[in-house]
Amino acid sequence: MKRVVVIPSRLNSTRLKQKPLVQLLGKPLIRWVVEGCLKTGERVILATDSQLIYHAVKDLPVEVRFTPTDIASGSDRVAYVVENEDVDFVINYQGDEPFVYSEDLHKLFGALKDSPVSTLALRDVQAYSDPNSVKVVLSKNQTALYFSRSPIPYMTESSDIYPLKHVGIYAFRKEALLKFARSERGRLERLEALEQLRLLEMGYPIKIIITENYYHGVDTQEDVALVERELSARLLTKA
């Protein structure tokens, strides 16, 4: 099976101005993401609408595809790029997630042998009551029953599994991604503003890979400070 990791990255963002170019320890956010994905050994494509983003990574061995600015979402941008590519499995790796783990990407690809879509989750008690953190509940076979910004499941007792925070890194079979991108937004998706609910409404099982690795996306200036501290600690550990 032919595999590819696609990083969608647009210049404009609502909460953090020119987010892909925000500096983390003197390096643009998008460069951290691209370098991390390249280290996995997978084929990597950067899907962007910006020459500025391209110039931030142009010396790296990443394939670059320019996409229209008006594409609605990251998943749509990934679908636009891979539609004419000779690939079977696709990972949509968020362009604001600087922590990349080869083992998780390989597990996501592996899950596509039995499921059309897979994604990550991790146990995170602090995320439970935060509407900006998406929670997920699972069936017995580790597929998603539901995703929500609300605190799910309702906790009448403590659990060694829940709450599970969804990490928005997706693996798709190509045909599932293209069908998803061509479909209209679902009712639940509109209510919760969560595009993965469209997949559930369409009847797609979503395999959940539970990870213990650290993930933290960059959406606000507060996130920048937190992520820089974590990156600094890792660099000191390697020194």
C-alpha atoms as a PDB file:
ATOM      1  CA  MET A   1       0.000   0.000   0.000  1.00  0.00           C
ATOM      2  CA  LYS A   2       1.302   3.445  -0.939  1.00  0.00           C
ATOM      3  CA  ARG A   3       1.275   5.892   1.962  1.00  0.00           C
ATOM      4  CA  VAL A   4       1.699   9.614   2.405  1.00  0.00           C
ATOM      5  CA  VAL A   5       1.567  12.156   5.214  1.00  0.00           C
ATOM      6  CA  VAL A   6      -0.003  15.445   4.157  1.00  0.00           C
ATOM      7  CA  ILE A   7       0.388  18.575   6.279  1.00  0.00           C
ATOM      8  CA  PRO A   8      -2.296  21.182   5.514  1.00  0.00           C
ATOM      9  CA  SER A   9      -1.143  24.684   6.376  1.00  0.00           C
ATOM     10  CA  ARG A  10      -2.824  27.979   5.525  1.00  0.00           C
ATOM     11  CA  LEU A  11      -1.388  31.334   6.428  1.00  0.00           C
ATOM     12  CA  ASN A  12      -4.424  33.024   7.948  1.00  0.00           C
ATOM     13  CA  SER A  13      -5.907  31.830  11.227  1.00  0.00           C
ATOM     14  CA  THR A  14      -8.583  33.240  13.485  1.00  0.00           C
ATOM     15  CA  ARG A  15      -6.918  33.121  16.892  1.00  0.00           C
ATOM     16  CA  LEU A  16      -3.183  33.464  16.188  1.00  0.00           C
ATOM     17  CA  LYS A  17      -1.964  35.710  13.384  1.00  0.00           C
ATOM     18  CA  GLN A  18       0.034  33.868  10.693  1.00  0.00           C
ATOM     19  CA  LYS A  19       0.169  30.837  12.977  1.00  0.00           C
ATOM     20  CA  PRO A  20       2.398  28.591  10.804  1.00  0.00           C
ATOM     21  CA  LEU A  21       5.149  31.231  10.981  1.00  0.00           C
ATOM     22  CA  VAL A  22       4.962  31.786  14.746  1.00  0.00           C
ATOM     23  CA  GLN A  23       8.402  31.276  16.236  1.00  0.00           C
ATOM     24  CA  LEU A  24       9.036  28.417  18.658  1.00  0.00           C
ATOM     25  CA  LEU A  25      12.568  28.603  20.046  1.00  0.00           C
ATOM     26  CA  GLY A  26      13.589  30.611  16.995  1.00  0.00           C
ATOM     27  CA  LYS A  27      12.066  28.238  14.431  1.00  0.00           C
ATOM     28  CA  PRO A  28       8.698  28.611  12.635  1.00  0.00           C
ATOM     29  CA  LEU A  29       5.954  26.299  13.886  1.00  0.00           C
ATOM     30  CA  ILE A  30       5.456  24.761  10.439  1.00  0.00           C
ATOM     31  CA  ARG A  31       9.141  23.847  10.259  1.00  0.00           C
ATOM     32  CA  TRP A  32       8.883  21.895  13.532  1.00  0.00           C
ATOM     33  CA  VAL A  33       5.942  19.973  12.072  1.00  0.00           C
ATOM     34  CA  VAL A  34       7.583  19.248   8.710  1.00  0.00           C
ATOM     35  CA  GLU A  35      10.894  18.189  10.260  1.00  0.00           C
ATOM     36  CA  GLY A  36       9.079  15.871  12.679  1.00  0.00           C
ATOM     37  CA  CYS A  37       7.052  14.218   9.923  1.00  0.00           C
ATOM     38  CA  LEU A  38      10.143  13.745   7.739  1.00  0.00           C
ATOM     39  CA  LYS A  39      11.853  11.884  10.584  1.00  0.00           C
ATOM     40  CA  THR A  40       9.142   9.191  10.429  1.00  0.00           C
ATOM     41  CA  GLY A  41      10.537   7.945   7.122  1.00  0.00           C
ATOM     42  CA  GLU A  42       7.186   8.415   5.384  1.00  0.00           C
ATOM     43  CA  ARG A  43       6.577  10.390   2.212  1.00  0.00           C
ATOM     44  CA  VAL A  44       5.549  13.920   3.256  1.00  0.00           C
ATOM     45  CA  ILE A  45       3.631  16.588   1.346  1.00  0.00           C
ATOM     46  CA  LEU A  46       3.049  20.133   2.569  1.00  0.00           C
ATOM     47  CA  ALA A  47      -0.271  21.505   1.270  1.00  0.00           C
ATOM     48  CA  THR A  48      -0.246  25.281   1.571  1.00  0.00           C
ATOM     49  CA  ASP A  49      -1.729  28.464   0.136  1.00  0.00           C
ATOM     50  CA  SER A  50       1.272  30.622   1.010  1.00  0.00           C
ATOM     51  CA  GLN A  51       4.671  31.409  -0.456  1.00  0.00           C
ATOM     52  CA  LEU A  52       5.752  32.556   3.014  1.00  0.00           C
ATOM     53  CA  ILE A  53       5.065  29.091   4.418  1.00  0.00           C
ATOM     54  CA  TYR A  54       6.890  27.526   1.478  1.00  0.00           C
ATOM     55  CA  HIS A  55       9.960  29.703   2.105  1.00  0.00           C
ATOM     56  CA  ALA A  56      10.010  28.573   5.761  1.00  0.00           C
ATOM     57  CA  VAL A  57      10.658  24.959   4.657  1.00  0.00           C
ATOM     58  CA  LYS A  58      11.979  25.165   1.091  1.00  0.00           C
ATOM     59  CA  ASP A  59      15.396  23.775   2.043  1.00  0.00           C
ATOM     60  CA  LEU A  60      13.829  20.611   3.497  1.00  0.00           C
ATOM     61  CA  PRO A  61      13.169  17.437   1.445  1.00  0.00           C
ATOM     62  CA  VAL A  62       9.392  17.857   1.606  1.00  0.00           C
ATOM     63  CA  GLU A  63       7.098  17.890  -1.414  1.00  0.00           C
ATOM     64  CA  VAL A  64       5.055  21.114  -1.638  1.00  0.00           C
ATOM     65  CA  ARG A  65       1.664  21.486  -3.290  1.00  0.00           C
ATOM     66  CA  PHE A  66       0.017  24.900  -3.540  1.00  0.00           C
ATOM     67  CA  THR A  67      -3.719  24.952  -2.881  1.00  0.00           C
ATOM     68  CA  PRO A  68      -6.440  27.606  -3.252  1.00  0.00           C
ATOM     69  CA  THR A  69      -6.843  29.980  -0.303  1.00  0.00           C
ATOM     70  CA  ASP A  70     -10.607  29.482  -0.099  1.00  0.00           C
ATOM     71  CA  ILE A  71     -10.514  25.738   0.706  1.00  0.00           C
ATOM     72  CA  ALA A  72     -12.720  25.342   3.771  1.00  0.00           C
ATOM     73  CA  SER A  73     -10.805  22.952   6.020  1.00  0.00           C
ATOM     74  CA  GLY A  74      -7.589  21.052   6.498  1.00  0.00           C
ATOM     75  CA  SER A  75      -9.210  17.787   5.447  1.00  0.00           C
ATOM     76  CA  ASP A  76     -10.509  19.433   2.268  1.00  0.00           C
ATOM     77  CA  ARG A  77      -7.006  20.733   1.560  1.00  0.00           C
ATOM     78  CA  VAL A  78      -5.564  17.235   1.996  1.00  0.00           C
ATOM     79  CA  ALA A  79      -8.228  15.752  -0.282  1.00  0.00           C
ATOM     80  CA  TYR A  80      -7.497  18.392  -2.925  1.00  0.00           C
ATOM     81  CA  VAL A  81      -3.821  17.402  -2.907  1.00  0.00           C
ATOM     82  CA  VAL A  82      -4.172  13.611  -2.970  1.00  0.00           C
ATOM     83  CA  GLU A  83      -7.049  13.319  -5.443  1.00  0.00           C
ATOM     84  CA  ASN A  84      -4.645  12.801  -8.340  1.00  0.00           C
ATOM     85  CA  GLU A  85      -1.844  11.186  -6.345  1.00  0.00           C
ATOM     86  CA  ASP A  86      -1.094   7.461  -6.636  1.00  0.00           C
ATOM     87  CA  VAL A  87      -1.622   6.661  -2.949  1.00  0.00           C
ATOM     88  CA  ASP A  88      -3.804   4.307  -0.911  1.00  0.00           C
ATOM     89  CA  PHE A  89      -3.424   5.558   2.676  1.00  0.00           C
ATOM     90  CA  VAL A  90      -3.258   9.206   3.761  1.00  0.00           C
ATOM     91  CA  ILE A  91      -2.510  10.851   7.097  1.00  0.00           C
ATOM     92  CA  ASN A  92      -3.790  14.371   7.651  1.00  0.00           C
ATOM     93  CA  TYR A  93      -1.188  15.736  10.061  1.00  0.00           C
ATOM     94  CA  GLN A  94      -2.264  19.049  11.554  1.00  0.00           C
ATOM     95  CA  GLY A  95       0.072  21.913  10.683  1.00  0.00           C
ATOM     96  CA  ASP A  96      -0.130  23.302  14.229  1.00  0.00           C
ATOM     97  CA  GLU A  97       0.960  20.124  16.037  1.00  0.00           C
ATOM     98  CA  PRO A  98       4.757  20.252  16.553  1.00  0.00           C
ATOM     99  CA  PHE A  99       5.091  16.958  18.423  1.00  0.00           C
ATOM    100  CA  VAL A 100       5.467  14.050  15.997  1.00  0.00           C
ATOM    101  CA  TYR A 101       5.921  10.383  16.957  1.00  0.00           C
ATOM    102  CA  SER A 102       6.826   7.787  14.340  1.00  0.00           C
ATOM    103  CA  GLU A 103       5.225   4.958  16.288  1.00  0.00           C
ATOM    104  CA  ASP A 104       1.834   6.690  16.372  1.00  0.00           C
ATOM    105  CA  LEU A 105       1.827   7.442  12.651  1.00  0.00           C
ATOM    106  CA  HIS A 106       2.774   3.867  11.859  1.00  0.00           C
ATOM    107  CA  LYS A 107      -0.045   2.583  14.114  1.00  0.00           C
ATOM    108  CA  LEU A 108      -2.528   4.876  12.373  1.00  0.00           C
ATOM    109  CA  PHE A 109      -1.481   3.557   8.975  1.00  0.00           C
ATOM    110  CA  GLY A 110      -1.670  -0.006  10.277  1.00  0.00           C
ATOM    111  CA  ALA A 111      -5.222   0.484  11.514  1.00  0.00           C
ATOM    112  CA  LEU A 112      -6.361   1.294   7.971  1.00  0.00           C
ATOM    113  CA  LYS A 113      -6.023  -2.382   7.062  1.00  0.00           C
ATOM    114  CA  ASP A 114      -9.228  -3.009   9.035  1.00  0.00           C
ATOM    115  CA  SER A 115     -10.903   0.414   9.180  1.00  0.00           C
ATOM    116  CA  PRO A 116     -11.411   3.219   6.632  1.00  0.00           C
ATOM    117  CA  VAL A 117     -10.445   5.917   9.147  1.00  0.00           C
ATOM    118  CA  SER A 118      -8.278   6.024  12.261  1.00  0.00           C
ATOM    119  CA  THR A 119      -7.251   8.724  14.695  1.00  0.00           C
ATOM    120  CA  LEU A 120      -5.577   9.261  18.075  1.00  0.00           C
ATOM    121  CA  ALA A 121      -6.745   9.851  21.629  1.00  0.00           C
ATOM    122  CA  LEU A 122      -5.064  10.137  24.997  1.00  0.00           C
ATOM    123  CA  ARG A 123      -6.260  10.115  28.585  1.00  0.00           C
ATOM    124  CA  ASP A 124      -6.431  13.699  29.864  1.00  0.00           C
ATOM    125  CA  VAL A 125      -8.367  14.580  33.008  1.00  0.00           C
ATOM    126  CA  GLN A 126      -7.767  18.318  32.568  1.00  0.00           C
ATOM    127  CA  ALA A 127      -9.463  18.271  29.160  1.00  0.00           C
ATOM    128  CA  TYR A 128     -12.734  16.926  30.558  1.00  0.00           C
ATOM    129  CA  SER A 129     -14.474  20.237  31.218  1.00  0.00           C
ATOM    130  CA  ASP A 130     -12.716  22.284  28.509  1.00  0.00           C
ATOM    131  CA  PRO A 131     -14.936  22.856  25.437  1.00  0.00           C
ATOM    132  CA  ASN A 132     -11.825  23.543  23.351  1.00  0.00           C
ATOM    133  CA  SER A 133     -10.676  19.974  24.028  1.00  0.00           C
ATOM    134  CA  VAL A 134     -12.662  17.363  22.147  1.00  0.00           C
ATOM    135  CA  LYS A 135     -13.535  14.197  24.022  1.00  0.00           C
ATOM    136  CA  VAL A 136     -14.306  10.770  22.558  1.00  0.00           C
ATOM    137  CA  VAL A 137     -16.059   7.651  23.848  1.00  0.00           C
ATOM    138  CA  LEU A 138     -15.365   4.189  22.461  1.00  0.00           C
ATOM    139  CA  SER A 139     -17.091   0.947  21.607  1.00  0.00           C
ATOM    140  CA  LYS A 140     -15.670  -2.364  22.816  1.00  0.00           C
ATOM    141  CA  ASN A 141     -13.733  -2.736  19.562  1.00  0.00           C
ATOM    142  CA  GLN A 142     -12.020   0.648  20.005  1.00  0.00           C
ATOM    143  CA  THR A 143     -14.053   2.533  17.416  1.00  0.00           C
ATOM    144  CA  ALA A 144     -15.526   5.941  18.175  1.00  0.00           C
ATOM    145  CA  LEU A 145     -19.101   6.093  19.416  1.00  0.00           C
ATOM    146  CA  TYR A 146     -19.149   9.881  19.649  1.00  0.00           C
ATOM    147  CA  PHE A 147     -16.960  12.986  19.828  1.00  0.00           C
ATOM    148  CA  SER A 148     -18.010  16.065  21.779  1.00  0.00           C
ATOM    149  CA  ARG A 149     -16.862  19.339  23.243  1.00  0.00           C
ATOM    150  CA  SER A 150     -19.056  18.477  26.226  1.00  0.00           C
ATOM    151  CA  PRO A 151     -17.680  16.393  29.117  1.00  0.00           C
ATOM    152  CA  ILE A 152     -18.341  12.819  27.968  1.00  0.00           C
ATOM    153  CA  PRO A 153     -18.895  10.269  29.321  1.00  0.00           C
ATOM    154  CA  TYR A 154     -20.716  11.497  32.417  1.00  0.00           C
ATOM    155  CA  MET A 155     -18.468  10.225  35.226  1.00  0.00           C
ATOM    156  CA  THR A 156     -20.296   8.553  38.108  1.00  0.00           C
ATOM    157  CA  GLU A 157     -17.021   6.899  39.139  1.00  0.00           C
ATOM    158  CA  SER A 158     -13.322   7.213  38.304  1.00  0.00           C
ATOM    159  CA  SER A 159     -11.945   5.453  35.244  1.00  0.00           C
ATOM    160  CA  ASP A 160      -8.477   4.388  34.141  1.00  0.00           C
ATOM    161  CA  ILE A 161      -9.478   5.052  30.513  1.00  0.00           C
ATOM    162  CA  TYR A 162     -11.713   8.119  30.506  1.00  0.00           C
ATOM    163  CA  PRO A 163     -11.792  10.966  29.888  1.00  0.00           C
ATOM    164  CA  LEU A 164     -10.166  10.534  26.479  1.00  0.00           C
ATOM    165  CA  LYS A 165      -9.047  13.656  24.642  1.00  0.00           C
ATOM    166  CA  HIS A 166      -9.120  13.418  20.876  1.00  0.00           C
ATOM    167  CA  VAL A 167      -5.884  14.279  19.075  1.00  0.00           C
ATOM    168  CA  GLY A 168      -6.862  15.629  15.648  1.00  0.00           C
ATOM    169  CA  ILE A 169      -4.489  13.599  13.503  1.00  0.00           C
ATOM    170  CA  TYR A 170      -6.362  11.385  11.045  1.00  0.00           C
ATOM    171  CA  ALA A 171      -5.487   8.490   8.770  1.00  0.00           C
ATOM    172  CA  PHE A 172      -7.791   7.748   5.828  1.00  0.00           C
ATOM    173  CA  ARG A 173      -8.098   5.279   3.076  1.00  0.00           C
ATOM    174  CA  LYS A 174      -7.974   7.553   0.056  1.00  0.00           C
ATOM    175  CA  GLU A 175     -11.461   6.694  -1.164  1.00  0.00           C
ATOM    176  CA  ALA A 176     -12.950   7.422   2.278  1.00  0.00           C
ATOM    177  CA  LEU A 177     -11.202  10.802   2.421  1.00  0.00           C
ATOM    178  CA  LEU A 178     -12.438  11.832  -1.018  1.00  0.00           C
ATOM    179  CA  LYS A 179     -16.009  10.753  -0.285  1.00  0.00           C
ATOM    180  CA  PHE A 180     -15.900  12.626   3.027  1.00  0.00           C
ATOM    181  CA  ALA A 181     -14.576  15.799   1.390  1.00  0.00           C
ATOM    182  CA  ARG A 182     -17.319  15.718  -1.267  1.00  0.00           C
ATOM    183  CA  SER A 183     -20.114  15.274   1.279  1.00  0.00           C
ATOM    184  CA  GLU A 184     -22.166  18.062   2.818  1.00  0.00           C
ATOM    185  CA  ARG A 185     -21.731  18.946   6.468  1.00  0.00           C
ATOM    186  CA  GLY A 186     -23.874  16.847   8.783  1.00  0.00           C
ATOM    187  CA  ARG A 187     -26.297  18.092  11.424  1.00  0.00           C
ATOM    188  CA  LEU A 188     -24.134  17.009  14.363  1.00  0.00           C
ATOM    189  CA  GLU A 189     -21.053  18.490  12.717  1.00  0.00           C
ATOM    190  CA  ARG A 190     -22.785  21.860  12.494  1.00  0.00           C
ATOM    191  CA  LEU A 191     -23.997  21.701  16.089  1.00  0.00           C
ATOM    192  CA  GLU A 192     -20.635  20.781  17.624  1.00  0.00           C
ATOM    193  CA  ALA A 193     -18.366  22.324  14.946  1.00  0.00           C
ATOM    194  CA  LEU A 194     -16.522  18.986  14.683  1.00  0.00           C
ATOM    195  CA  GLU A 195     -15.938  17.612  11.204  1.00  0.00           C
ATOM    196  CA  GLN A 196     -15.258  14.067  12.429  1.00  0.00           C
ATOM    197  CA  LEU A 197     -18.936  13.802  13.316  1.00  0.00           C
ATOM    198  CA  ARG A 198     -19.683  13.923   9.586  1.00  0.00           C
ATOM    199  CA  LEU A 199     -17.822  10.628   9.253  1.00  0.00           C
ATOM    200  CA  LEU A 200     -19.912   9.033  11.993  1.00  0.00           C
ATOM    201  CA  GLU A 201     -23.122  10.357  10.449  1.00  0.00           C
ATOM    202  CA  MET A 202     -21.999   8.872   7.123  1.00  0.00           C
ATOM    203  CA  GLY A 203     -21.625   5.486   8.839  1.00  0.00           C
ATOM    204  CA  TYR A 204     -17.831   5.253   8.773  1.00  0.00           C
ATOM    205  CA  PRO A 205     -16.210   3.426  11.703  1.00  0.00           C
ATOM    206  CA  ILE A 206     -13.299   5.410  13.141  1.00  0.00           C
ATOM    207  CA  LYS A 207     -10.636   3.296  14.812  1.00  0.00           C
ATOM    208  CA  ILE A 208      -9.152   4.996  17.884  1.00  0.00           C
ATOM    209  CA  ILE A 209      -5.491   4.464  18.722  1.00  0.00           C
ATOM    210  CA  ILE A 210      -4.821   5.354  22.352  1.00  0.00           C
ATOM    211  CA  THR A 211      -1.420   6.943  22.850  1.00  0.00           C
ATOM    212  CA  GLU A 212       0.562   7.945  25.914  1.00  0.00           C
ATOM    213  CA  ASN A 213       2.679  10.425  23.968  1.00  0.00           C
ATOM    214  CA  TYR A 214       2.500  14.149  24.618  1.00  0.00           C
ATOM    215  CA  TYR A 215       0.554  16.242  22.120  1.00  0.00           C
ATOM    216  CA  HIS A 216      -0.289  19.926  22.294  1.00  0.00           C
ATOM    217  CA  GLY A 217      -1.341  22.024  19.330  1.00  0.00           C
ATOM    218  CA  VAL A 218      -0.674  25.748  18.995  1.00  0.00           C
ATOM    219  CA  ASP A 219      -3.793  27.929  18.794  1.00  0.00           C
ATOM    220  CA  THR A 220      -3.100  30.795  21.194  1.00  0.00           C
ATOM    221  CA  GLN A 221      -0.183  32.788  22.579  1.00  0.00           C
ATOM    222  CA  GLU A 222      -0.532  30.809  25.804  1.00  0.00           C
ATOM    223  CA  ASP A 223      -0.015  27.617  23.799  1.00  0.00           C
ATOM    224  CA  VAL A 224       3.195  29.082  22.358  1.00  0.00           C
ATOM    225  CA  ALA A 225       4.669  29.539  25.833  1.00  0.00           C
ATOM    226  CA  LEU A 226       3.617  26.063  26.980  1.00  0.00           C
ATOM    227  CA  VAL A 227       4.925  24.315  23.864  1.00  0.00           C
ATOM    228  CA  GLU A 228       8.231  26.197  24.020  1.00  0.00           C
ATOM    229  CA  ARG A 229       8.742  24.977  27.576  1.00  0.00           C
ATOM    230  CA  GLU A 230       8.124  21.373  26.514  1.00  0.00           C
ATOM    231  CA  LEU A 231      10.390  21.647  23.475  1.00  0.00           C
ATOM    232  CA  SER A 232      13.128  23.220  25.595  1.00  0.00           C
ATOM    233  CA  ALA A 233      12.921  20.399  28.132  1.00  0.00           C
ATOM    234  CA  ARG A 234      13.239  17.810  25.357  1.00  0.00           C
ATOM    235  CA  LEU A 235      16.237  19.532  23.824  1.00  0.00           C
ATOM    236  CA  LEU A 236      17.941  19.637  27.230  1.00  0.00           C
ATOM    237  CA  THR A 237      17.238  15.904  27.703  1.00  0.00           C
ATOM    238  CA  LYS A 238      18.917  15.118  24.361  1.00  0.00           C
ATOM    239  CA  ALA A 239      21.916  17.348  25.102  1.00  0.00           C
END
